[in-house]
């Protein structure tokens, strides 16, 4: 009788450990997937920020050019 009880405990412990390892692997895979998504979102955010900076720089340069053209037209024709 004690041998049967011990063998059942060993089987239950082994199953529990296997489930724990599988659960840890699944959790590890899920966390690495989430981290990869977050890194991807940061890459997209950096791209958007650089695009906005470029647009603002371009608008600023265009407004300077427009002011130069206005000044030239004003000085030449008026």
C-alpha atoms as a PDB file:
ATOM      1  CA  UNK A   1       0.000   0.000   0.000  1.00  0.00           C
ATOM      2  CA  UNK A   2       2.650   2.654   0.802  1.00  0.00           C
ATOM      3  CA  UNK A   3       4.418   1.899  -2.490  1.00  0.00           C
ATOM      4  CA  UNK A   4       1.219   2.620  -4.411  1.00  0.00           C
ATOM      5  CA  UNK A   5       0.710   5.935  -2.615  1.00  0.00           C
ATOM      6  CA  UNK A   6       4.320   6.962  -3.254  1.00  0.00           C
ATOM      7  CA  UNK A   7       4.099   6.019  -6.936  1.00  0.00           C
ATOM      8  CA  UNK A   8       0.893   8.048  -7.325  1.00  0.00           C
ATOM      9  CA  UNK A   9       2.571  11.051  -5.665  1.00  0.00           C
ATOM     10  CA  UNK A  10       5.587  10.699  -7.963  1.00  0.00           C
ATOM     11  CA  UNK A  11       3.348  10.511 -11.051  1.00  0.00           C
ATOM     12  CA  UNK A  12       1.339  13.523  -9.894  1.00  0.00           C
ATOM     13  CA  UNK A  13       4.506  15.493  -9.155  1.00  0.00           C
ATOM     14  CA  UNK A  14       5.981  14.556 -12.530  1.00  0.00           C
ATOM     15  CA  UNK A  15       2.817  15.641 -14.354  1.00  0.00           C
ATOM     16  CA  UNK A  16       2.699  18.869 -12.354  1.00  0.00           C
ATOM     17  CA  UNK A  17       6.332  19.621 -13.212  1.00  0.00           C
ATOM     18  CA  UNK A  18       5.726  18.869 -16.885  1.00  0.00           C
ATOM     19  CA  UNK A  19       2.700  21.160 -16.933  1.00  0.00           C
ATOM     20  CA  UNK A  20       4.710  23.809 -15.132  1.00  0.00           C
ATOM     21  CA  UNK A  21       7.510  23.593 -17.709  1.00  0.00           C
ATOM     22  CA  UNK A  22       5.026  23.709 -20.606  1.00  0.00           C
ATOM     23  CA  UNK A  23       3.279  26.656 -18.980  1.00  0.00           C
ATOM     24  CA  UNK A  24       6.596  28.445 -18.511  1.00  0.00           C
ATOM     25  CA  UNK A  25       7.532  27.842 -22.157  1.00  0.00           C
ATOM     26  CA  UNK A  26       4.154  29.144 -23.312  1.00  0.00           C
ATOM     27  CA  UNK A  27       4.460  32.166 -21.042  1.00  0.00           C
ATOM     28  CA  UNK A  28       7.998  32.773 -22.286  1.00  0.00           C
ATOM     29  CA  UNK A  29       6.815  32.598 -25.904  1.00  0.00           C
ATOM     30  CA  UNK A  30       3.898  34.945 -25.191  1.00  0.00           C
ATOM     31  CA  UNK A  31       6.150  37.451 -23.402  1.00  0.00           C
ATOM     32  CA  UNK A  32       8.748  37.377 -26.175  1.00  0.00           C
ATOM     33  CA  UNK A  33       5.946  37.928 -28.712  1.00  0.00           C
ATOM     34  CA  UNK A  34       4.644  40.911 -26.715  1.00  0.00           C
ATOM     35  CA  UNK A  35       8.163  42.343 -26.412  1.00  0.00           C
ATOM     36  CA  UNK A  36       8.675  41.951 -30.166  1.00  0.00           C
ATOM     37  CA  UNK A  37       5.385  43.786 -30.803  1.00  0.00           C
ATOM     38  CA  UNK A  38       6.411  46.612 -28.454  1.00  0.00           C
ATOM     39  CA  UNK A  39       9.787  46.925 -30.204  1.00  0.00           C
ATOM     40  CA  UNK A  40       7.976  47.029 -33.551  1.00  0.00           C
ATOM     41  CA  UNK A  41       5.648  49.759 -32.289  1.00  0.00           C
ATOM     42  CA  UNK A  42       8.678  51.780 -31.105  1.00  0.00           C
ATOM     43  CA  UNK A  43      10.228  51.432 -34.562  1.00  0.00           C
ATOM     44  CA  UNK A  44       6.994  52.704 -36.133  1.00  0.00           C
ATOM     45  CA  UNK A  45       6.855  55.569 -33.620  1.00  0.00           C
ATOM     46  CA  UNK A  46      10.455  56.561 -34.406  1.00  0.00           C
ATOM     47  CA  UNK A  47       9.624  56.538 -38.118  1.00  0.00           C
ATOM     48  CA  UNK A  48       6.524  58.687 -37.564  1.00  0.00           C
ATOM     49  CA  UNK A  49       8.491  61.171 -35.448  1.00  0.00           C
ATOM     50  CA  UNK A  50      11.225  61.446 -38.077  1.00  0.00           C
ATOM     51  CA  UNK A  51       8.591  61.877 -40.806  1.00  0.00           C
ATOM     52  CA  UNK A  52       6.887  64.652 -38.824  1.00  0.00           C
ATOM     53  CA  UNK A  53      10.248  66.339 -38.217  1.00  0.00           C
ATOM     54  CA  UNK A  54      11.011  66.161 -41.931  1.00  0.00           C
ATOM     55  CA  UNK A  55       7.598  67.619 -42.803  1.00  0.00           C
ATOM     56  CA  UNK A  56       8.046  70.433 -40.291  1.00  0.00           C
ATOM     57  CA  UNK A  57      11.543  71.145 -41.658  1.00  0.00           C
ATOM     58  CA  UNK A  58      10.172  71.069 -45.209  1.00  0.00           C
ATOM     59  CA  UNK A  59       7.291  73.405 -44.324  1.00  0.00           C
ATOM     60  CA  UNK A  60       9.713  75.758 -42.573  1.00  0.00           C
ATOM     61  CA  UNK A  61      12.037  75.778 -45.595  1.00  0.00           C
ATOM     62  CA  UNK A  62       9.114  76.278 -47.977  1.00  0.00           C
ATOM     63  CA  UNK A  63       7.822  79.202 -45.953  1.00  0.00           C
ATOM     64  CA  UNK A  64      11.315  80.753 -46.065  1.00  0.00           C
ATOM     65  CA  UNK A  65      11.388  80.241 -49.823  1.00  0.00           C
ATOM     66  CA  UNK A  66       7.907  81.699 -50.179  1.00  0.00           C
ATOM     67  CA  UNK A  67       8.954  84.721 -48.121  1.00  0.00           C
ATOM     68  CA  UNK A  68      12.082  85.107 -50.277  1.00  0.00           C
ATOM     69  CA  UNK A  69       9.955  84.937 -53.429  1.00  0.00           C
ATOM     70  CA  UNK A  70       7.475  87.455 -51.997  1.00  0.00           C
ATOM     71  CA  UNK A  71      10.333  89.757 -51.064  1.00  0.00           C
ATOM     72  CA  UNK A  72      11.871  89.408 -54.539  1.00  0.00           C
ATOM     73  CA  UNK A  73       8.548  90.082 -56.272  1.00  0.00           C
ATOM     74  CA  UNK A  74       7.849  92.988 -53.972  1.00  0.00           C
ATOM     75  CA  UNK A  75      11.278  94.519 -54.536  1.00  0.00           C
ATOM     76  CA  UNK A  76      11.315  93.940 -58.303  1.00  0.00           C
ATOM     77  CA  UNK A  77       7.819  94.893 -59.324  1.00  0.00           C
ATOM     78  CA  UNK A  78       6.671  97.379 -56.749  1.00  0.00           C
END
